[in-house]
Amino acid sequence: LVSTTSTNYTHGVTAGCGFTDAGILLATRNNQPPLNISRMGADGNIVDIRKAGTAVGSISVTTTATAYNTSSDYRLKEDYQPIENPTERLAQLQPRNFAWKCNGERTDGFIAHEVQEIVPQAVTGEKDGEEMQSIDHSKLVPLLTAALQEALLRIALLEEAIHA
């Protein structure tokens, strides 16, 4: 490890950087960000994310914003189909207010395994698996949009019926 000053519960590093035996890069620093990435000059990608050499995402920056990007180019897709039963599926989601065990802080959100039953691509990991599950909330946006469009169409049809 480089610049290691003492140990703690994060793979033995409280300040410094290094690699685990499995090749995982660790960076830890007290009271400051352990990683600082800066793009000089033009707006664009600051991080490219690849899976087996193929681009699957990026983090890009402008002078005033950061974007977390997932592959979405039409050239990567085929067999387009409408989202089926968006309003019904949306109604199955169970947003909750809960307290985090680590600090008691209350927040609004979802329980990962409950979301996984409705929008599986939004959840990483398995219920009661070795690693904690996580949610990519952006994967809920297409369902929310389709359900809203369906609701707006119903409202428009009702308004037409009232004015007819």
Protein backbone atom coordinates (compact mmCIF):
# COMPACT_ATOMS: atom_id res chain seq x y z
CA LEU A 1 0.00 0.00 0.00
CA VAL A 2 1.13 3.54 -0.76
CA SER A 3 0.92 6.20 1.97
CA THR A 4 -0.86 3.94 4.45
CA THR A 5 -0.96 5.61 7.85
CA SER A 6 -3.07 3.28 9.98
CA THR A 7 -5.67 0.54 9.78
CA ASN A 8 -9.44 0.36 10.10
CA TYR A 9 -12.38 -1.74 8.95
CA THR A 10 -12.02 -0.84 5.24
CA HIS A 11 -9.51 -3.45 4.09
CA GLY A 12 -6.93 -2.14 6.53
CA VAL A 13 -6.57 1.38 5.08
CA THR A 14 -7.59 4.66 6.71
CA ALA A 15 -5.51 6.99 4.56
CA GLY A 16 -3.79 5.96 1.36
CA CYS A 17 -4.36 3.78 -1.64
CA GLY A 18 -3.52 0.29 -2.75
CA PHE A 19 -4.81 -2.96 -4.16
CA THR A 20 -6.34 -5.95 -2.41
CA ASP A 21 -5.08 -9.46 -3.11
CA ALA A 22 -8.00 -9.72 -5.58
CA GLY A 23 -6.78 -6.64 -7.49
CA ILE A 24 -9.43 -4.23 -6.19
CA LEU A 25 -8.21 -0.64 -6.03
CA LEU A 26 -8.82 1.00 -2.66
CA ALA A 27 -8.54 4.70 -1.87
CA THR A 28 -9.31 6.01 1.60
CA ARG A 29 -8.88 9.42 3.17
CA ASN A 30 -10.21 10.94 6.37
CA ASN A 31 -12.55 13.95 6.03
CA GLN A 32 -11.74 14.52 2.36
CA PRO A 33 -12.77 12.86 -0.92
CA PRO A 34 -10.48 9.89 -1.57
CA LEU A 35 -10.76 10.39 -5.34
CA ASN A 36 -10.66 13.60 -7.33
CA ILE A 37 -11.06 13.45 -11.10
CA SER A 38 -10.76 16.59 -13.19
CA ARG A 39 -11.25 17.09 -16.93
CA MET A 40 -9.43 20.08 -18.35
CA GLY A 41 -10.66 21.88 -21.46
CA ALA A 42 -13.70 20.72 -23.41
CA ASP A 43 -16.82 19.11 -21.94
CA GLY A 44 -17.00 15.31 -22.28
CA ASN A 45 -16.40 11.97 -20.62
CA ILE A 46 -14.38 11.92 -17.45
CA VAL A 47 -14.81 8.15 -16.95
CA ASP A 48 -15.47 5.47 -19.58
CA ILE A 49 -17.01 2.25 -18.25
CA ARG A 50 -16.47 -0.97 -20.21
CA LYS A 51 -17.44 -4.64 -19.87
CA ALA A 52 -14.98 -6.96 -21.61
CA GLY A 53 -13.79 -4.05 -23.76
CA THR A 54 -17.25 -2.91 -24.88
CA ALA A 55 -18.44 0.55 -23.79
CA VAL A 56 -21.48 0.23 -21.49
CA GLY A 57 -21.51 3.61 -19.79
CA SER A 58 -19.68 6.75 -18.85
CA ILE A 59 -19.57 9.69 -16.53
CA SER A 60 -19.45 12.96 -18.42
CA VAL A 61 -19.05 16.55 -17.26
CA THR A 62 -19.75 20.05 -18.48
CA THR A 63 -18.83 23.31 -16.82
CA THR A 64 -21.91 23.03 -14.59
CA ALA A 65 -23.16 19.42 -14.53
CA THR A 66 -22.33 15.73 -14.23
CA ALA A 67 -24.17 13.00 -16.15
CA TYR A 68 -24.12 9.28 -15.35
CA ASN A 69 -24.69 7.60 -18.70
CA THR A 70 -25.83 4.07 -19.58
CA SER A 71 -25.62 2.68 -23.12
CA SER A 72 -28.82 3.47 -25.01
CA ASP A 73 -27.93 3.89 -28.69
CA TYR A 74 -30.54 2.47 -31.09
CA ARG A 75 -27.77 0.54 -32.87
CA LEU A 76 -27.43 -1.65 -29.77
CA LYS A 77 -31.13 -2.56 -29.69
CA GLU A 78 -33.70 -4.51 -31.68
CA ASP A 79 -37.24 -5.87 -31.42
CA TYR A 80 -38.77 -2.69 -29.91
CA GLN A 81 -42.03 -3.35 -28.07
CA PRO A 82 -44.26 -1.17 -25.90
CA ILE A 83 -44.06 -1.63 -22.13
CA GLU A 84 -46.94 -3.87 -21.13
CA ASN A 85 -49.25 -3.05 -18.22
CA PRO A 86 -47.25 -0.06 -16.97
CA THR A 87 -49.97 1.30 -14.67
CA GLU A 88 -50.62 -2.12 -13.15
CA ARG A 89 -46.90 -2.73 -12.60
CA LEU A 90 -46.38 0.76 -11.18
CA ALA A 91 -49.20 0.17 -8.69
CA GLN A 92 -47.32 -2.90 -7.40
CA LEU A 93 -44.26 -0.86 -6.38
CA GLN A 94 -44.23 -0.10 -2.66
CA PRO A 95 -42.45 3.17 -1.90
CA ARG A 96 -41.69 3.32 1.82
CA ASN A 97 -40.28 5.62 4.46
CA PHE A 98 -37.68 3.84 6.57
CA ALA A 99 -34.79 4.38 8.98
CA TRP A 100 -31.25 3.28 8.14
CA LYS A 101 -29.86 0.90 10.76
CA CYS A 102 -26.42 2.56 10.71
CA ASN A 103 -27.59 6.00 11.84
CA GLY A 104 -31.39 6.07 12.23
CA GLU A 105 -31.77 8.61 9.41
CA ARG A 106 -35.22 8.42 7.81
CA THR A 107 -35.64 8.52 4.05
CA ASP A 108 -38.05 7.57 1.28
CA GLY A 109 -37.19 4.71 -1.01
CA PHE A 110 -37.77 1.08 -1.91
CA ILE A 111 -36.85 -2.38 -0.61
CA ALA A 112 -34.66 -3.96 -3.29
CA HIS A 113 -36.15 -7.47 -3.35
CA GLU A 114 -39.68 -6.05 -3.61
CA VAL A 115 -38.72 -3.96 -6.65
CA GLN A 116 -36.88 -6.95 -8.17
CA GLU A 117 -40.19 -8.83 -8.50
CA ILE A 118 -41.63 -6.01 -10.68
CA VAL A 119 -38.61 -4.41 -12.44
CA PRO A 120 -35.83 -7.01 -12.19
CA GLN A 121 -33.32 -4.99 -14.25
CA ALA A 122 -33.42 -2.22 -11.60
CA VAL A 123 -31.93 -4.46 -8.89
CA THR A 124 -28.46 -5.94 -8.52
CA GLY A 125 -27.93 -8.98 -6.32
CA GLU A 126 -30.20 -11.58 -4.79
CA LYS A 127 -32.35 -11.37 -1.68
CA ASP A 128 -30.40 -12.74 1.31
CA GLY A 129 -27.34 -13.18 -0.92
CA GLU A 130 -23.75 -12.79 0.21
CA GLU A 131 -23.67 -9.14 -0.95
CA MET A 132 -26.28 -6.51 -0.14
CA GLN A 133 -28.76 -5.74 -2.92
CA SER A 134 -28.82 -2.33 -4.59
CA ILE A 135 -31.21 -0.43 -6.87
CA ASP A 136 -30.53 1.64 -9.96
CA HIS A 137 -33.48 4.02 -9.69
CA SER A 138 -32.97 5.20 -13.28
CA LYS A 139 -34.22 1.80 -14.46
CA LEU A 140 -37.65 2.73 -13.02
CA VAL A 141 -38.00 5.78 -15.26
CA PRO A 142 -39.27 3.94 -18.40
CA LEU A 143 -42.03 2.27 -16.34
CA LEU A 144 -42.96 5.58 -14.70
CA THR A 145 -43.05 7.32 -18.08
CA ALA A 146 -45.20 4.61 -19.69
CA ALA A 147 -47.64 4.64 -16.76
CA LEU A 148 -47.87 8.44 -16.87
CA GLN A 149 -48.49 8.38 -20.63
CA GLU A 150 -51.22 5.79 -20.11
CA ALA A 151 -52.81 7.95 -17.39
CA LEU A 152 -52.61 11.09 -19.56
CA LEU A 153 -54.32 9.27 -22.42
CA ARG A 154 -57.13 8.17 -20.08
CA ILE A 155 -57.53 11.74 -18.82
CA ALA A 156 -57.70 13.07 -22.39
CA LEU A 157 -60.35 10.49 -23.32
CA LEU A 158 -62.42 11.39 -20.25
CA GLU A 159 -62.15 15.11 -21.07
CA GLU A 160 -63.30 14.41 -24.64
CA ALA A 161 -66.27 12.41 -23.32
CA ILE A 162 -67.24 15.23 -20.95
CA HIS A 163 -67.08 17.89 -23.68
CA ALA A 164 -68.88 15.76 -26.30
